[in-house]
């Protein structure tokens, strides 16, 4: 009798565990639905395109829901959360912003390697991400910051950068767009007699694309890469001095109100100088068209765009290609889902959504998705200009050193006469040497 009771009790226990197991499976299945935290910078392209992207991805992956954060001050919104351990799974936030959050995470080696993403098949398509990307976009320090042949930042939304001008004014005056810097100075002298200055710039930060292209013109793409890698003595070379010499002469052609307005509050006033025919050229990217869409303009205004003039008649002309970056934090909770999301961003479906808002993905045949002014901008490389991409190599942080601040922002002081170009170049060289010693 006791034996039978024990057997019955055992059967009851087994049944309980079986039922618990089925219940647990059901619970796990129910919890399979993930919440993917996506944090993106709300730029001039707006946030609506990101809302459409998230819906498109959710449609493909019914078990994943996206929690989207789109903010103009994204660093402020997610920075404090990250410090407390609340990490987003995917972030769209480029380097080169004042807050420097992405650069900080690069220095802290806090980003997930993305090589696996490049090998992934794009959701809904039969091609991999790497096969879809335009060649060269994952071979730069802007995507591979440690020079270890691994990609940590995904290239997003590329924009040819160069000189923007009023093509209508040039047509009206019968002026030719300068192809060399000597022709540029000649035009500057001619225009000044008519009350028009040769040059302005939104803020000194816009000299990233300008200076990088100029360095490539002075010594080629290899010289540019050597500058970006802090090669010893690179800023004391003849090529570097040629580039700084052009900047010295250019400083004498800058519209007088430019420096006062070259800040985040008033930079649109400098861009307005082009629309009002008060200055001829400014460095910028394709997003400027959207920024100035509702601004008043001179009669007959028409956007024009060109690469930097060549240093001599036989020299190459370069146009820096700026691209934004997306990344996955090493501490992200849902890395695999984040990688699927990142791969989806290069799909034809996603590229069309982005292009409708003016954001162009660096994928093959992307120019087929654009129209209007963008056709002009994205054809610059078809006109003989050479693309240069990338940025400074990541290093350990060096207190008091910001080579980008030194290289770009000091131009304001040169225009004002507070610093000489040689002092500027030597300051860049000093920062470069300190960072060379801090390479990981």
Protein backbone atom coordinates (compact mmCIF):
# COMPACT_ATOMS: atom_id res chain seq x y z
CA UNK A 1 0.00 0.00 0.00
CA UNK A 2 2.76 2.44 0.97
CA UNK A 3 4.60 1.47 -2.23
CA UNK A 4 1.57 2.27 -4.33
CA UNK A 5 1.15 5.62 -2.60
CA UNK A 6 4.78 6.45 -3.36
CA UNK A 7 4.33 5.46 -7.00
CA UNK A 8 1.18 7.59 -7.25
CA UNK A 9 2.96 10.54 -5.67
CA UNK A 10 5.84 10.14 -8.12
CA UNK A 11 3.42 10.12 -11.05
CA UNK A 12 1.80 13.28 -9.75
CA UNK A 13 5.20 14.96 -9.46
CA UNK A 14 6.15 13.93 -13.01
CA UNK A 15 2.88 15.25 -14.35
CA UNK A 16 3.49 18.52 -12.49
CA UNK A 17 6.95 18.91 -13.97
CA UNK A 18 5.72 18.07 -17.47
CA UNK A 19 2.96 20.64 -17.19
CA UNK A 20 5.45 23.15 -15.78
CA UNK A 21 7.74 22.44 -18.71
CA UNK A 22 4.98 23.07 -21.24
CA UNK A 23 4.00 26.20 -19.34
CA UNK A 24 7.61 27.35 -19.37
CA UNK A 25 7.87 26.76 -23.11
CA UNK A 26 4.75 28.76 -23.68
CA UNK A 27 6.12 31.55 -21.51
CA UNK A 28 9.44 31.53 -23.40
CA UNK A 29 7.64 31.65 -26.71
CA UNK A 30 5.61 34.58 -25.49
CA UNK A 31 8.77 36.37 -24.36
CA UNK A 32 10.51 35.77 -27.69
CA UNK A 33 9.25 39.15 -28.85
CA UNK A 34 12.16 41.55 -28.38
CA UNK A 35 12.14 45.28 -27.89
CA UNK A 36 14.91 46.77 -30.00
CA UNK A 37 16.06 50.16 -28.76
CA UNK A 38 17.00 52.35 -31.72
CA UNK A 39 18.44 55.82 -31.05
CA UNK A 40 18.98 58.20 -33.98
CA UNK A 41 19.98 61.80 -34.47
CA UNK A 42 17.12 63.89 -35.84
CA UNK A 43 18.98 65.89 -38.45
CA UNK A 44 17.81 68.02 -41.37
CA UNK A 45 16.38 64.84 -42.91
CA UNK A 46 13.75 64.72 -40.15
CA UNK A 47 12.49 61.80 -38.07
CA UNK A 48 9.58 60.63 -40.23
CA UNK A 49 11.85 58.52 -42.41
CA UNK A 50 13.09 56.67 -39.32
CA UNK A 51 9.51 55.96 -38.26
CA UNK A 52 8.87 54.41 -41.69
CA UNK A 53 12.10 52.42 -41.48
CA UNK A 54 11.11 50.99 -38.11
CA UNK A 55 7.68 49.99 -39.39
CA UNK A 56 9.25 48.32 -42.43
CA UNK A 57 11.63 46.31 -40.25
CA UNK A 58 8.86 45.32 -37.83
CA UNK A 59 6.84 44.06 -40.78
CA UNK A 60 9.72 41.77 -41.77
CA UNK A 61 10.33 40.64 -38.18
CA UNK A 62 6.97 40.24 -36.52
CA UNK A 63 8.55 39.18 -33.22
CA UNK A 64 10.56 42.42 -32.86
CA UNK A 65 9.17 45.75 -31.73
CA UNK A 66 11.26 48.89 -32.04
CA UNK A 67 11.46 51.57 -29.40
CA UNK A 68 12.60 54.62 -31.39
CA UNK A 69 14.35 57.64 -29.90
CA UNK A 70 14.89 60.43 -32.42
CA UNK A 71 16.28 63.65 -30.97
CA UNK A 72 18.24 66.65 -32.18
CA UNK A 73 20.22 66.57 -28.92
CA UNK A 74 20.64 62.81 -28.96
CA UNK A 75 23.86 62.86 -26.92
CA UNK A 76 22.07 64.55 -24.02
CA UNK A 77 19.14 62.14 -24.18
CA UNK A 78 21.06 58.85 -24.28
CA UNK A 79 24.35 59.86 -22.65
CA UNK A 80 23.17 59.80 -19.05
CA UNK A 81 21.19 56.57 -19.62
CA UNK A 82 24.27 54.84 -20.97
CA UNK A 83 26.25 55.83 -17.90
CA UNK A 84 23.63 54.12 -15.74
CA UNK A 85 23.73 50.96 -17.87
CA UNK A 86 20.68 51.60 -20.04
CA UNK A 87 22.20 51.12 -23.49
CA UNK A 88 20.46 51.46 -26.85
CA UNK A 89 20.86 48.53 -29.24
CA UNK A 90 21.55 50.58 -32.36
CA UNK A 91 22.68 54.19 -32.61
CA UNK A 92 22.84 56.53 -35.61
CA UNK A 93 25.24 59.26 -34.53
CA UNK A 94 28.24 60.37 -36.54
CA UNK A 95 31.66 61.48 -35.42
CA UNK A 96 32.56 65.15 -35.77
CA UNK A 97 29.82 66.52 -33.53
CA UNK A 98 30.64 68.99 -30.77
CA UNK A 99 29.61 66.65 -27.94
CA UNK A 100 31.99 63.97 -29.24
CA UNK A 101 30.01 61.05 -27.78
CA UNK A 102 30.87 58.68 -30.62
CA UNK A 103 34.56 59.60 -30.41
CA UNK A 104 34.49 58.95 -26.66
CA UNK A 105 33.09 55.46 -27.16
CA UNK A 106 35.69 54.78 -29.86
CA UNK A 107 38.46 55.75 -27.45
CA UNK A 108 36.91 53.53 -24.77
CA UNK A 109 36.65 50.62 -27.24
CA UNK A 110 32.95 50.42 -26.45
CA UNK A 111 31.68 49.57 -29.95
CA UNK A 112 30.74 46.15 -31.31
CA UNK A 113 32.69 44.92 -34.38
CA UNK A 114 30.45 44.87 -37.46
CA UNK A 115 32.33 42.48 -39.74
CA UNK A 116 29.57 39.91 -39.30
CA UNK A 117 27.04 42.45 -40.53
CA UNK A 118 28.98 43.00 -43.75
CA UNK A 119 28.73 39.28 -44.46
CA UNK A 120 25.00 39.13 -43.70
CA UNK A 121 22.41 38.77 -46.41
CA UNK A 122 20.17 41.83 -46.55
CA UNK A 123 16.67 40.93 -45.30
CA UNK A 124 14.39 40.30 -48.28
CA UNK A 125 17.25 40.33 -50.81
CA UNK A 126 19.78 37.82 -52.13
CA UNK A 127 22.89 39.96 -51.72
CA UNK A 128 25.14 40.68 -48.76
CA UNK A 129 25.69 44.07 -47.18
CA UNK A 130 29.31 44.10 -48.35
CA UNK A 131 28.28 43.37 -51.94
CA UNK A 132 25.67 46.13 -51.84
CA UNK A 133 27.93 48.86 -50.46
CA UNK A 134 29.80 51.20 -52.79
CA UNK A 135 33.45 50.22 -52.90
CA UNK A 136 35.78 51.96 -50.46
CA UNK A 137 33.29 53.00 -47.80
CA UNK A 138 34.49 50.47 -45.23
CA UNK A 139 38.20 51.01 -45.89
CA UNK A 140 38.61 54.27 -44.01
CA UNK A 141 39.54 55.43 -40.53
CA UNK A 142 35.96 56.70 -40.23
CA UNK A 143 34.72 53.11 -40.18
CA UNK A 144 37.82 51.22 -39.03
CA UNK A 145 39.19 53.60 -36.38
CA UNK A 146 41.81 51.23 -34.93
CA UNK A 147 43.50 50.26 -38.19
CA UNK A 148 42.92 46.61 -37.25
CA UNK A 149 41.04 45.75 -40.46
CA UNK A 150 37.78 45.53 -38.50
CA UNK A 151 34.74 47.70 -39.13
CA UNK A 152 33.12 49.26 -36.07
CA UNK A 153 31.09 52.07 -37.63
CA UNK A 154 28.68 51.50 -40.50
CA UNK A 155 28.70 54.10 -43.31
CA UNK A 156 25.37 55.85 -43.65
CA UNK A 157 23.94 58.77 -45.67
CA UNK A 158 26.84 59.93 -47.78
CA UNK A 159 27.15 63.41 -49.13
CA UNK A 160 29.70 64.80 -51.57
CA UNK A 161 31.20 67.89 -50.01
CA UNK A 162 32.75 70.76 -51.90
CA UNK A 163 32.03 74.35 -52.83
CA UNK A 164 28.46 75.58 -53.25
CA UNK A 165 27.65 78.70 -55.24
CA UNK A 166 24.90 80.49 -57.15
CA UNK A 167 25.12 79.09 -60.67
CA UNK A 168 22.56 81.68 -61.79
CA UNK A 169 24.92 84.50 -60.84
CA UNK A 170 27.78 82.93 -62.78
CA UNK A 171 25.57 82.56 -65.85
CA UNK A 172 24.37 86.15 -65.55
CA UNK A 173 27.90 87.57 -65.22
CA UNK A 174 29.45 85.20 -67.75
CA UNK A 175 31.90 83.89 -65.14
CA UNK A 176 33.56 80.49 -65.41
CA UNK A 177 33.86 78.30 -62.34
CA UNK A 178 37.58 78.25 -61.42
CA UNK A 179 39.40 75.00 -62.09
CA UNK A 180 42.65 76.02 -60.37
CA UNK A 181 43.44 78.10 -57.30
CA UNK A 182 45.12 80.75 -59.46
CA UNK A 183 41.86 81.14 -61.35
CA UNK A 184 40.09 81.31 -57.98
CA UNK A 185 42.17 84.28 -56.85
CA UNK A 186 41.60 86.05 -60.18
CA UNK A 187 37.85 85.63 -59.82
CA UNK A 188 38.02 86.84 -56.23
CA UNK A 189 39.73 90.06 -57.29
CA UNK A 190 37.22 90.61 -60.09
CA UNK A 191 34.20 89.97 -57.88
CA UNK A 192 35.43 92.22 -55.07
CA UNK A 193 35.38 95.18 -57.47
CA UNK A 194 31.65 94.53 -57.76
CA UNK A 195 31.11 94.29 -54.01
CA UNK A 196 31.04 90.48 -53.83
CA UNK A 197 33.45 88.53 -51.64
CA UNK A 198 34.98 85.29 -52.84
CA UNK A 199 34.42 83.13 -49.79
CA UNK A 200 32.42 82.43 -46.64
CA UNK A 201 31.85 79.39 -44.43
CA UNK A 202 29.01 78.35 -42.06
CA UNK A 203 31.31 77.55 -39.13
CA UNK A 204 34.98 76.63 -38.96
CA UNK A 205 33.90 73.02 -38.35
CA UNK A 206 32.95 72.84 -42.04
CA UNK A 207 36.65 72.94 -42.88
CA UNK A 208 36.81 69.21 -42.13
CA UNK A 209 35.69 68.34 -45.64
CA UNK A 210 37.54 71.32 -47.13
CA UNK A 211 40.91 70.72 -45.45
CA UNK A 212 40.82 66.98 -46.03
CA UNK A 213 40.25 67.50 -49.76
CA UNK A 214 42.95 70.18 -49.85
CA UNK A 215 45.48 67.90 -48.16
CA UNK A 216 44.72 65.22 -50.76
CA UNK A 217 45.24 67.79 -53.53
CA UNK A 218 48.57 68.79 -52.05
CA UNK A 219 49.96 65.28 -51.75
CA UNK A 220 47.47 62.68 -52.94
CA UNK A 221 45.27 60.24 -51.04
CA UNK A 222 48.28 58.52 -49.49
CA UNK A 223 49.51 61.82 -48.06
CA UNK A 224 46.04 62.45 -46.63
CA UNK A 225 46.08 59.04 -44.92
CA UNK A 226 49.51 59.76 -43.47
CA UNK A 227 48.21 63.02 -42.02
CA UNK A 228 45.25 61.18 -40.51
CA UNK A 229 47.60 58.60 -38.95
CA UNK A 230 49.86 61.22 -37.26
CA UNK A 231 53.01 60.25 -39.17
CA UNK A 232 55.99 61.87 -37.52
CA UNK A 233 56.89 65.19 -39.17
CA UNK A 234 54.03 65.01 -41.68
CA UNK A 235 52.84 68.56 -40.95
CA UNK A 236 56.31 69.95 -41.60
CA UNK A 237 56.44 68.59 -45.16
CA UNK A 238 56.34 70.73 -48.27
CA UNK A 239 52.89 69.30 -49.12
CA UNK A 240 51.46 70.47 -45.79
CA UNK A 241 53.00 73.92 -46.24
CA UNK A 242 51.43 74.20 -49.70
CA UNK A 243 47.99 73.42 -48.25
CA UNK A 244 48.39 75.92 -45.41
CA UNK A 245 49.68 78.51 -47.88
CA UNK A 246 46.41 78.27 -49.81
CA UNK A 247 44.48 78.69 -46.56
CA UNK A 248 46.56 81.78 -45.78
CA UNK A 249 45.64 83.44 -49.08
CA UNK A 250 42.02 82.31 -48.79
CA UNK A 251 41.72 84.04 -45.41
CA UNK A 252 42.17 87.40 -47.16
CA UNK A 253 39.10 86.77 -49.37
CA UNK A 254 36.61 85.94 -46.57
CA UNK A 255 33.44 88.04 -46.28
CA UNK A 256 33.92 90.34 -43.23
CA UNK A 257 30.88 89.25 -41.16
CA UNK A 258 31.64 85.55 -41.49
CA UNK A 259 33.63 84.95 -38.30
CA UNK A 260 31.10 86.76 -36.09
CA UNK A 261 28.33 84.48 -37.36
CA UNK A 262 30.36 81.26 -37.62
CA UNK A 263 28.64 79.55 -34.70
CA UNK A 264 25.73 77.18 -34.09
CA UNK A 265 23.30 80.07 -33.53
CA UNK A 266 24.07 82.17 -36.60
CA UNK A 267 25.66 79.90 -39.22
CA UNK A 268 22.57 80.24 -41.43
CA UNK A 269 23.46 83.92 -41.87
CA UNK A 270 26.72 82.89 -43.51
CA UNK A 271 24.92 80.44 -45.77
CA UNK A 272 22.50 83.24 -46.67
CA UNK A 273 25.43 85.24 -48.05
CA UNK A 274 25.53 82.85 -51.01
CA UNK A 275 21.81 83.20 -51.66
CA UNK A 276 22.09 87.01 -51.48
CA UNK A 277 25.11 87.20 -53.84
CA UNK A 278 27.28 88.69 -51.13
CA UNK A 279 29.80 85.84 -51.33
CA UNK A 280 30.59 83.44 -54.16
CA UNK A 281 31.61 80.14 -52.58
CA UNK A 282 31.17 78.23 -49.33
CA UNK A 283 32.16 74.72 -48.23
CA UNK A 284 29.16 72.56 -47.37
CA UNK A 285 27.34 69.29 -47.97
CA UNK A 286 24.18 68.41 -49.85
CA UNK A 287 22.05 68.95 -46.74
CA UNK A 288 22.41 72.72 -47.20
CA UNK A 289 19.66 72.68 -49.84
CA UNK A 290 17.17 71.46 -47.26
CA UNK A 291 18.44 73.83 -44.59
CA UNK A 292 17.95 76.85 -46.89
CA UNK A 293 14.81 75.62 -48.68
CA UNK A 294 12.61 78.40 -47.28
CA UNK A 295 15.24 81.16 -47.24
CA UNK A 296 14.90 84.21 -49.50
CA UNK A 297 17.26 84.35 -52.46
CA UNK A 298 18.40 86.55 -55.32
CA UNK A 299 16.47 86.51 -58.58
CA UNK A 300 17.60 83.68 -60.80
CA UNK A 301 19.29 81.81 -57.95
CA UNK A 302 20.30 78.26 -58.84
CA UNK A 303 22.45 75.93 -56.77
CA UNK A 304 25.87 75.15 -58.20
CA UNK A 305 28.40 72.70 -56.82
CA UNK A 306 32.01 71.82 -57.61
CA UNK A 307 35.06 70.11 -56.21
CA UNK A 308 37.94 72.20 -54.86
CA UNK A 309 40.06 73.87 -57.57
CA UNK A 310 43.26 72.03 -58.43
CA UNK A 311 46.55 73.36 -57.12
CA UNK A 312 47.95 73.53 -60.66
CA UNK A 313 46.69 72.89 -64.18
CA UNK A 314 47.74 69.26 -64.19
CA UNK A 315 46.66 68.60 -60.61
CA UNK A 316 43.77 66.49 -59.41
CA UNK A 317 40.59 67.95 -57.96
CA UNK A 318 39.17 66.31 -54.86
CA UNK A 319 35.77 66.25 -53.22
CA UNK A 320 35.56 64.93 -49.70
CA UNK A 321 32.76 62.46 -49.16
CA UNK A 322 31.14 62.96 -45.81
CA UNK A 323 29.11 60.13 -44.47
CA UNK A 324 27.29 59.61 -41.24
CA UNK A 325 27.79 56.52 -39.13
CA UNK A 326 25.73 53.97 -37.29
CA UNK A 327 27.00 51.64 -34.60
CA UNK A 328 26.10 49.01 -32.06
CA UNK A 329 27.30 49.49 -28.47
CA UNK A 330 29.32 46.61 -27.07
CA UNK A 331 26.96 46.66 -24.08
CA UNK A 332 23.79 46.44 -26.21
CA UNK A 333 21.31 43.85 -24.95
CA UNK A 334 19.99 42.74 -28.35
CA UNK A 335 23.07 42.71 -30.58
CA UNK A 336 21.87 40.11 -33.06
CA UNK A 337 18.56 41.91 -33.66
CA UNK A 338 20.50 45.17 -33.96
CA UNK A 339 22.70 43.62 -36.65
CA UNK A 340 19.61 42.46 -38.55
CA UNK A 341 18.25 46.01 -38.32
CA UNK A 342 21.53 47.46 -39.57
CA UNK A 343 21.57 45.07 -42.53
CA UNK A 344 18.01 46.11 -43.38
CA UNK A 345 19.11 49.75 -43.63
CA UNK A 346 20.95 48.89 -46.87
CA UNK A 347 17.95 47.23 -48.51
CA UNK A 348 16.32 48.73 -51.60
CA UNK A 349 13.19 49.29 -49.53
CA UNK A 350 15.03 51.25 -46.84
CA UNK A 351 17.19 53.14 -49.35
CA UNK A 352 14.05 54.38 -51.10
CA UNK A 353 12.55 55.58 -47.81
CA UNK A 354 15.76 57.43 -46.95
CA UNK A 355 16.15 58.91 -50.45
CA UNK A 356 12.61 60.31 -50.35
CA UNK A 357 13.82 62.47 -47.45
CA UNK A 358 17.09 63.39 -49.16
CA UNK A 359 19.31 60.91 -47.31
CA UNK A 360 21.33 58.76 -49.72
CA UNK A 361 22.80 55.43 -48.66
CA UNK A 362 26.30 54.52 -49.94
CA UNK A 363 25.02 51.63 -52.02
CA UNK A 364 25.57 50.85 -55.68
CA UNK A 365 23.33 52.81 -58.07
CA UNK A 366 22.13 55.08 -55.26
CA UNK A 367 22.22 58.07 -57.61
CA UNK A 368 19.29 56.51 -59.46
CA UNK A 369 17.15 57.28 -56.42
CA UNK A 370 17.80 61.05 -56.40
CA UNK A 371 16.52 63.87 -58.57
CA UNK A 372 16.68 67.65 -58.92
CA UNK A 373 19.68 69.37 -57.34
CA UNK A 374 20.91 66.07 -55.92
CA UNK A 375 21.55 64.80 -59.44
CA UNK A 376 24.11 67.60 -59.80
CA UNK A 377 25.72 66.97 -56.42
CA UNK A 378 26.05 63.21 -56.74
CA UNK A 379 27.48 63.47 -60.26
CA UNK A 380 30.57 65.39 -59.09
CA UNK A 381 32.63 62.20 -59.25
CA UNK A 382 31.41 61.58 -62.77
CA UNK A 383 32.99 64.91 -63.74
CA UNK A 384 36.53 63.88 -62.85
CA UNK A 385 36.70 64.73 -59.14
CA UNK A 386 38.38 62.15 -56.91
CA UNK A 387 36.66 61.07 -53.71
CA UNK A 388 38.54 61.26 -50.42
CA UNK A 389 37.08 59.72 -47.28
CA UNK A 390 37.96 59.13 -43.67
CA UNK A 391 39.23 61.02 -40.67
CA UNK A 392 41.78 60.97 -37.89
CA UNK A 393 42.82 57.66 -36.41
CA UNK A 394 41.55 56.87 -32.92
CA UNK A 395 44.06 57.15 -30.08
CA UNK A 396 44.10 57.16 -26.33
CA UNK A 397 42.68 60.42 -25.02
CA UNK A 398 45.32 63.11 -24.49
CA UNK A 399 44.29 65.81 -22.05
CA UNK A 400 43.98 69.22 -23.64
CA UNK A 401 44.43 67.93 -27.20
CA UNK A 402 41.75 68.14 -29.90
CA UNK A 403 43.43 68.06 -33.28
CA UNK A 404 40.16 68.68 -35.10
CA UNK A 405 39.59 71.81 -33.05
CA UNK A 406 43.15 72.97 -33.77
CA UNK A 407 43.05 72.13 -37.47
CA UNK A 408 39.66 73.64 -38.27
CA UNK A 409 38.65 76.26 -35.71
CA UNK A 410 41.98 78.09 -35.72
CA UNK A 411 41.12 79.43 -39.17
CA UNK A 412 38.85 81.95 -37.44
CA UNK A 413 41.88 83.38 -35.65
CA UNK A 414 43.82 83.51 -38.93
CA UNK A 415 41.02 85.47 -40.63
CA UNK A 416 40.93 87.89 -37.71
CA UNK A 417 44.71 88.29 -37.77
CA UNK A 418 45.15 86.89 -34.26
CA UNK A 419 47.37 84.03 -35.45
CA UNK A 420 49.69 83.50 -38.36
CA UNK A 421 49.32 80.49 -40.63
CA UNK A 422 52.75 79.23 -39.55
CA UNK A 423 51.67 79.35 -35.89
CA UNK A 424 48.55 77.44 -36.88
CA UNK A 425 50.48 74.75 -38.75
CA UNK A 426 52.95 74.31 -35.91
CA UNK A 427 50.09 73.93 -33.41
CA UNK A 428 48.60 71.17 -35.57
CA UNK A 429 52.00 69.50 -35.78
CA UNK A 430 52.37 69.61 -31.98
CA UNK A 431 48.94 68.04 -31.43
CA UNK A 432 49.66 65.40 -34.06
CA UNK A 433 52.89 64.38 -32.36
CA UNK A 434 51.17 64.03 -28.98
CA UNK A 435 48.48 61.84 -30.54
CA UNK A 436 51.07 59.78 -32.42
CA UNK A 437 52.51 58.77 -29.08
CA UNK A 438 49.01 57.88 -27.85
CA UNK A 439 48.18 55.44 -30.65
CA UNK A 440 46.85 52.19 -29.18
